[in-house]
């Protein structure tokens, strides 16, 4: 959250939007993900996992209202 807040500040905003979170997510989270050794041959990495999750999970503003 702090990284997203910092990114928003750099962009001239005093509030965070989903794009700010996406912009810093890979840098902040990739090193925390451990890939099983049997997946190393598939070129799996923490960065790829974070990127895949970000591409599949819709941002809160993109959700349909029920």
PDB file of N, CA and C in Angstrom:
ATOM      1  N   UNK A   1       0.823  -1.178   0.000  1.00  0.00           N
ATOM      2  CA  UNK A   1       0.000   0.000   0.000  1.00  0.00           C
ATOM      3  C   UNK A   1       0.874   1.251   0.000  1.00  0.00           C
ATOM      4  N   UNK A   2       1.953   1.218   0.767  1.00  0.00           N
ATOM      5  CA  UNK A   2       2.825   2.387   0.799  1.00  0.00           C
ATOM      6  C   UNK A   2       3.463   2.660  -0.566  1.00  0.00           C
ATOM      7  N   UNK A   3       3.836   1.606  -1.257  1.00  0.00           N
ATOM      8  CA  UNK A   3       4.425   1.792  -2.584  1.00  0.00           C
ATOM      9  C   UNK A   3       3.400   2.388  -3.545  1.00  0.00           C
ATOM     10  N   UNK A   4       2.164   1.928  -3.480  1.00  0.00           N
ATOM     11  CA  UNK A   4       1.107   2.467  -4.338  1.00  0.00           C
ATOM     12  C   UNK A   4       0.832   3.930  -3.996  1.00  0.00           C
ATOM     13  N   UNK A   5       0.866   4.257  -2.720  1.00  0.00           N
ATOM     14  CA  UNK A   5       0.674   5.649  -2.316  1.00  0.00           C
ATOM     15  C   UNK A   5       1.811   6.522  -2.831  1.00  0.00           C
ATOM     16  N   UNK A   6       3.022   6.010  -2.754  1.00  0.00           N
ATOM     17  CA  UNK A   6       4.165   6.739  -3.283  1.00  0.00           C
ATOM     18  C   UNK A   6       4.066   6.939  -4.783  1.00  0.00           C
ATOM     19  N   UNK A   7       3.647   5.901  -5.491  1.00  0.00           N
ATOM     20  CA  UNK A   7       3.482   5.975  -6.954  1.00  0.00           C
ATOM     21  C   UNK A   7       2.430   7.019  -7.309  1.00  0.00           C
ATOM     22  N   UNK A   8       1.320   7.042  -6.570  1.00  0.00           N
ATOM     23  CA  UNK A   8       0.272   8.036  -6.810  1.00  0.00           C
ATOM     24  C   UNK A   8       0.804   9.449  -6.577  1.00  0.00           C
ATOM     25  N   UNK A   9       1.594   9.619  -5.533  1.00  0.00           N
ATOM     26  CA  UNK A   9       2.169  10.926  -5.225  1.00  0.00           C
ATOM     27  C   UNK A   9       3.091  11.396  -6.341  1.00  0.00           C
ATOM     28  N   UNK A  10       3.910  10.481  -6.863  1.00  0.00           N
ATOM     29  CA  UNK A  10       4.791  10.810  -7.987  1.00  0.00           C
ATOM     30  C   UNK A  10       3.971  11.242  -9.195  1.00  0.00           C
ATOM     31  N   UNK A  11       2.822  10.633  -9.360  1.00  0.00           N
ATOM     32  CA  UNK A  11       1.933  10.957 -10.481  1.00  0.00           C
ATOM     33  C   UNK A  11       1.089  12.206 -10.216  1.00  0.00           C
ATOM     34  N   UNK A  12       1.285  12.838  -9.061  1.00  0.00           N
ATOM     35  CA  UNK A  12       0.593  14.090  -8.780  1.00  0.00           C
ATOM     36  C   UNK A  12      -0.765  13.953  -8.118  1.00  0.00           C
ATOM     37  N   UNK A  13      -1.032  12.799  -7.519  1.00  0.00           N
ATOM     38  CA  UNK A  13      -2.309  12.578  -6.852  1.00  0.00           C
ATOM     39  C   UNK A  13      -2.105  12.318  -5.371  1.00  0.00           C
ATOM     40  N   UNK A  14      -3.095  12.681  -4.573  1.00  0.00           N
ATOM     41  CA  UNK A  14      -3.027  12.380  -3.140  1.00  0.00           C
ATOM     42  C   UNK A  14      -3.970  11.237  -2.780  1.00  0.00           C
ATOM     43  N   UNK A  15      -4.346  10.449  -3.772  1.00  0.00           N
ATOM     44  CA  UNK A  15      -5.193   9.271  -3.584  1.00  0.00           C
ATOM     45  C   UNK A  15      -4.694   8.160  -4.505  1.00  0.00           C
ATOM     46  N   UNK A  16      -5.004   6.931  -4.148  1.00  0.00           N
ATOM     47  CA  UNK A  16      -4.541   5.757  -4.896  1.00  0.00           C
ATOM     48  C   UNK A  16      -5.683   5.207  -5.740  1.00  0.00           C
ATOM     49  N   UNK A  17      -5.366   4.845  -6.970  1.00  0.00           N
ATOM     50  CA  UNK A  17      -6.326   4.193  -7.855  1.00  0.00           C
ATOM     51  C   UNK A  17      -5.796   2.787  -8.171  1.00  0.00           C
ATOM     52  N   UNK A  18      -6.649   1.904  -8.665  1.00  0.00           N
ATOM     53  CA  UNK A  18      -6.199   0.531  -8.942  1.00  0.00           C
ATOM     54  C   UNK A  18      -4.970   0.453  -9.853  1.00  0.00           C
ATOM     55  N   UNK A  19      -4.838   1.369 -10.787  1.00  0.00           N
ATOM     56  CA  UNK A  19      -3.684   1.358 -11.684  1.00  0.00           C
ATOM     57  C   UNK A  19      -2.382   1.597 -10.929  1.00  0.00           C
ATOM     58  N   UNK A  20      -2.440   2.354  -9.832  1.00  0.00           N
ATOM     59  CA  UNK A  20      -1.242   2.571  -9.007  1.00  0.00           C
ATOM     60  C   UNK A  20      -0.805   1.259  -8.367  1.00  0.00           C
ATOM     61  N   UNK A  21      -1.760   0.502  -7.878  1.00  0.00           N
ATOM     62  CA  UNK A  21      -1.453  -0.789  -7.252  1.00  0.00           C
ATOM     63  C   UNK A  21      -0.857  -1.731  -8.294  1.00  0.00           C
ATOM     64  N   UNK A  22      -1.440  -1.765  -9.486  1.00  0.00           N
ATOM     65  CA  UNK A  22      -0.929  -2.627 -10.547  1.00  0.00           C
ATOM     66  C   UNK A  22       0.475  -2.212 -10.972  1.00  0.00           C
ATOM     67  N   UNK A  23       0.745  -0.914 -10.971  1.00  0.00           N
ATOM     68  CA  UNK A  23       2.043  -0.419 -11.413  1.00  0.00           C
ATOM     69  C   UNK A  23       3.186  -0.888 -10.517  1.00  0.00           C
ATOM     70  N   UNK A  24       2.926  -1.045  -9.234  1.00  0.00           N
ATOM     71  CA  UNK A  24       3.996  -1.423  -8.300  1.00  0.00           C
ATOM     72  C   UNK A  24       3.908  -2.877  -7.844  1.00  0.00           C
ATOM     73  N   UNK A  25       2.844  -3.573  -8.188  1.00  0.00           N
ATOM     74  CA  UNK A  25       2.608  -4.919  -7.663  1.00  0.00           C
ATOM     75  C   UNK A  25       3.735  -5.898  -7.968  1.00  0.00           C
ATOM     76  N   UNK A  26       4.216  -5.926  -9.190  1.00  0.00           N
ATOM     77  CA  UNK A  26       5.262  -6.883  -9.551  1.00  0.00           C
ATOM     78  C   UNK A  26       6.539  -6.616  -8.764  1.00  0.00           C
ATOM     79  N   UNK A  27       6.930  -5.361  -8.663  1.00  0.00           N
ATOM     80  CA  UNK A  27       8.147  -5.014  -7.918  1.00  0.00           C
ATOM     81  C   UNK A  27       8.025  -5.348  -6.446  1.00  0.00           C
ATOM     82  N   UNK A  28       6.841  -5.172  -5.900  1.00  0.00           N
ATOM     83  CA  UNK A  28       6.635  -5.370  -4.466  1.00  0.00           C
ATOM     84  C   UNK A  28       6.420  -6.844  -4.107  1.00  0.00           C
ATOM     85  N   UNK A  29       5.736  -7.583  -4.965  1.00  0.00           N
ATOM     86  CA  UNK A  29       5.309  -8.937  -4.612  1.00  0.00           C
ATOM     87  C   UNK A  29       6.132 -10.077  -5.207  1.00  0.00           C
ATOM     88  N   UNK A  30       6.748  -9.873  -6.356  1.00  0.00           N
ATOM     89  CA  UNK A  30       7.392 -10.988  -7.072  1.00  0.00           C
ATOM     90  C   UNK A  30       8.434 -11.712  -6.239  1.00  0.00           C
ATOM     91  N   UNK A  31       9.221 -11.001  -5.462  1.00  0.00           N
ATOM     92  CA  UNK A  31      10.271 -11.649  -4.684  1.00  0.00           C
ATOM     93  C   UNK A  31       9.722 -12.445  -3.496  1.00  0.00           C
ATOM     94  N   UNK A  32       8.432 -12.286  -3.192  1.00  0.00           N
ATOM     95  CA  UNK A  32       7.822 -13.001  -2.074  1.00  0.00           C
ATOM     96  C   UNK A  32       7.208 -14.339  -2.500  1.00  0.00           C
ATOM     97  N   UNK A  33       7.173 -14.599  -3.787  1.00  0.00           N
ATOM     98  CA  UNK A  33       6.561 -15.815  -4.304  1.00  0.00           C
ATOM     99  C   UNK A  33       7.643 -16.847  -4.570  1.00  0.00           C
ATOM    100  N   UNK A  34       7.468 -18.022  -4.002  1.00  0.00           N
ATOM    101  CA  UNK A  34       8.401 -19.120  -4.209  1.00  0.00           C
ATOM    102  C   UNK A  34       7.780 -20.110  -5.184  1.00  0.00           C
ATOM    103  N   UNK A  35       8.479 -20.370  -6.257  1.00  0.00           N
ATOM    104  CA  UNK A  35       7.996 -21.301  -7.280  1.00  0.00           C
ATOM    105  C   UNK A  35       8.580 -22.675  -6.988  1.00  0.00           C
ATOM    106  N   UNK A  36       7.735 -23.692  -7.079  1.00  0.00           N
ATOM    107  CA  UNK A  36       8.193 -25.060  -6.846  1.00  0.00           C
ATOM    108  C   UNK A  36       9.284 -25.434  -7.848  1.00  0.00           C
ATOM    109  N   UNK A  37      10.271 -26.192  -7.406  1.00  0.00           N
ATOM    110  CA  UNK A  37      11.371 -26.571  -8.306  1.00  0.00           C
ATOM    111  C   UNK A  37      10.907 -27.277  -9.578  1.00  0.00           C
ATOM    112  N   UNK A  38       9.852 -28.061  -9.493  1.00  0.00           N
ATOM    113  CA  UNK A  38       9.391 -28.769 -10.702  1.00  0.00           C
ATOM    114  C   UNK A  38       8.802 -27.815 -11.742  1.00  0.00           C
ATOM    115  N   UNK A  39       8.518 -26.572 -11.361  1.00  0.00           N
ATOM    116  CA  UNK A  39       7.999 -25.587 -12.314  1.00  0.00           C
ATOM    117  C   UNK A  39       9.092 -24.722 -12.924  1.00  0.00           C
ATOM    118  N   UNK A  40      10.317 -24.858 -12.444  1.00  0.00           N
ATOM    119  CA  UNK A  40      11.405 -24.045 -12.971  1.00  0.00           C
ATOM    120  C   UNK A  40      11.619 -24.269 -14.463  1.00  0.00           C
ATOM    121  N   UNK A  41      11.407 -25.476 -14.921  1.00  0.00           N
ATOM    122  CA  UNK A  41      11.608 -25.785 -16.339  1.00  0.00           C
ATOM    123  C   UNK A  41      10.559 -25.120 -17.224  1.00  0.00           C
ATOM    124  N   UNK A  42       9.438 -24.720 -16.646  1.00  0.00           N
ATOM    125  CA  UNK A  42       8.392 -24.045 -17.420  1.00  0.00           C
ATOM    126  C   UNK A  42       8.610 -22.539 -17.441  1.00  0.00           C
ATOM    127  N   UNK A  43       9.756 -22.109 -16.903  1.00  0.00           N
ATOM    128  CA  UNK A  43      10.118 -20.693 -16.835  1.00  0.00           C
ATOM    129  C   UNK A  43       9.162 -19.893 -15.954  1.00  0.00           C
ATOM    130  N   UNK A  44       8.540 -20.565 -15.002  1.00  0.00           N
ATOM    131  CA  UNK A  44       7.671 -19.886 -14.044  1.00  0.00           C
ATOM    132  C   UNK A  44       8.530 -19.046 -13.117  1.00  0.00           C
ATOM    133  N   UNK A  45       8.006 -17.901 -12.736  1.00  0.00           N
ATOM    134  CA  UNK A  45       8.724 -17.031 -11.805  1.00  0.00           C
ATOM    135  C   UNK A  45       7.704 -16.217 -11.024  1.00  0.00           C
ATOM    136  N   UNK A  46       8.161 -15.587  -9.980  1.00  0.00           N
ATOM    137  CA  UNK A  46       7.284 -14.748  -9.186  1.00  0.00           C
ATOM    138  C   UNK A  46       6.694 -13.621 -10.011  1.00  0.00           C
ATOM    139  N   UNK A  47       7.497 -13.047 -10.890  1.00  0.00           N
ATOM    140  CA  UNK A  47       7.018 -11.960 -11.755  1.00  0.00           C
ATOM    141  C   UNK A  47       5.888 -12.425 -12.660  1.00  0.00           C
ATOM    142  N   UNK A  48       6.067 -13.603 -13.228  1.00  0.00           N
ATOM    143  CA  UNK A  48       5.027 -14.130 -14.129  1.00  0.00           C
ATOM    144  C   UNK A  48       3.745 -14.453 -13.374  1.00  0.00           C
ATOM    145  N   UNK A  49       3.880 -14.941 -12.156  1.00  0.00           N
ATOM    146  CA  UNK A  49       2.700 -15.243 -11.346  1.00  0.00           C
ATOM    147  C   UNK A  49       1.933 -13.959 -11.037  1.00  0.00           C
ATOM    148  N   UNK A  50       2.636 -12.926 -10.603  1.00  0.00           N
ATOM    149  CA  UNK A  50       1.977 -11.657 -10.283  1.00  0.00           C
ATOM    150  C   UNK A  50       1.321 -11.067 -11.530  1.00  0.00           C
ATOM    151  N   UNK A  51       2.013 -11.094 -12.647  1.00  0.00           N
ATOM    152  CA  UNK A  51       1.458 -10.570 -13.895  1.00  0.00           C
ATOM    153  C   UNK A  51       0.202 -11.329 -14.301  1.00  0.00           C
ATOM    154  N   UNK A  52       0.225 -12.651 -14.163  1.00  0.00           N
ATOM    155  CA  UNK A  52      -0.943 -13.463 -14.519  1.00  0.00           C
ATOM    156  C   UNK A  52      -2.137 -13.143 -13.619  1.00  0.00           C
ATOM    157  N   UNK A  53      -1.878 -13.005 -12.334  1.00  0.00           N
ATOM    158  CA  UNK A  53      -2.966 -12.683 -11.404  1.00  0.00           C
ATOM    159  C   UNK A  53      -3.544 -11.311 -11.717  1.00  0.00           C
ATOM    160  N   UNK A  54      -2.687 -10.336 -11.966  1.00  0.00           N
ATOM    161  CA  UNK A  54      -3.169  -8.994 -12.274  1.00  0.00           C
ATOM    162  C   UNK A  54      -3.992  -8.953 -13.559  1.00  0.00           C
ATOM    163  N   UNK A  55      -3.649  -9.791 -14.527  1.00  0.00           N
ATOM    164  CA  UNK A  55      -4.391  -9.797 -15.785  1.00  0.00           C
ATOM    165  C   UNK A  55      -5.739 -10.506 -15.662  1.00  0.00           C
ATOM    166  N   UNK A  56      -5.864 -11.405 -14.688  1.00  0.00           N
ATOM    167  CA  UNK A  56      -7.104 -12.163 -14.550  1.00  0.00           C
ATOM    168  C   UNK A  56      -8.087 -11.592 -13.539  1.00  0.00           C
ATOM    169  N   UNK A  57      -7.588 -10.873 -12.550  1.00  0.00           N
ATOM    170  CA  UNK A  57      -8.474 -10.340 -11.503  1.00  0.00           C
ATOM    171  C   UNK A  57      -8.874  -8.917 -11.873  1.00  0.00           C
ATOM    172  N   UNK A  58     -10.175  -8.651 -11.992  1.00  0.00           N
ATOM    173  CA  UNK A  58     -10.595  -7.303 -12.365  1.00  0.00           C
ATOM    174  C   UNK A  58     -10.368  -6.301 -11.233  1.00  0.00           C
ATOM    175  N   UNK A  59     -10.096  -5.079 -11.615  1.00  0.00           N
ATOM    176  CA  UNK A  59      -9.942  -4.002 -10.632  1.00  0.00           C
ATOM    177  C   UNK A  59     -11.302  -3.688 -10.025  1.00  0.00           C
ATOM    178  N   UNK A  60     -11.343  -3.204  -8.793  1.00  0.00           N
ATOM    179  CA  UNK A  60     -12.629  -2.919  -8.143  1.00  0.00           C
ATOM    180  C   UNK A  60     -13.548  -2.019  -8.952  1.00  0.00           C
ATOM    181  N   UNK A  61     -13.017  -1.036  -9.648  1.00  0.00           N
ATOM    182  CA  UNK A  61     -13.850  -0.148 -10.460  1.00  0.00           C
ATOM    183  C   UNK A  61     -14.448  -0.841 -11.657  1.00  0.00           C
ATOM    184  N   UNK A  62     -13.877  -1.979 -12.057  1.00  0.00           N
ATOM    185  CA  UNK A  62     -14.333  -2.697 -13.239  1.00  0.00           C
ATOM    186  C   UNK A  62     -15.418  -3.728 -12.903  1.00  0.00           C
ATOM    187  N   UNK A  63     -15.695  -3.932 -11.644  1.00  0.00           N
ATOM    188  CA  UNK A  63     -16.711  -4.911 -11.271  1.00  0.00           C
ATOM    189  C   UNK A  63     -18.107  -4.385 -11.572  1.00  0.00           C
ATOM    190  N   UNK A  64     -18.972  -5.274 -11.989  1.00  0.00           N
ATOM    191  CA  UNK A  64     -20.355  -4.875 -12.248  1.00  0.00           C
ATOM    192  C   UNK A  64     -21.086  -4.697 -10.920  1.00  0.00           C
ATOM    193  N   UNK A  65     -21.960  -3.740 -10.900  1.00  0.00           N
ATOM    194  CA  UNK A  65     -22.769  -3.530  -9.686  1.00  0.00           C
ATOM    195  C   UNK A  65     -23.889  -4.551  -9.681  1.00  0.00           C
ATOM    196  N   UNK A  66     -24.151  -5.058  -8.494  1.00  0.00           N
ATOM    197  CA  UNK A  66     -25.190  -6.101  -8.387  1.00  0.00           C
ATOM    198  C   UNK A  66     -26.463  -5.509  -7.869  1.00  0.00           C
TER     199      UNK A  66
END
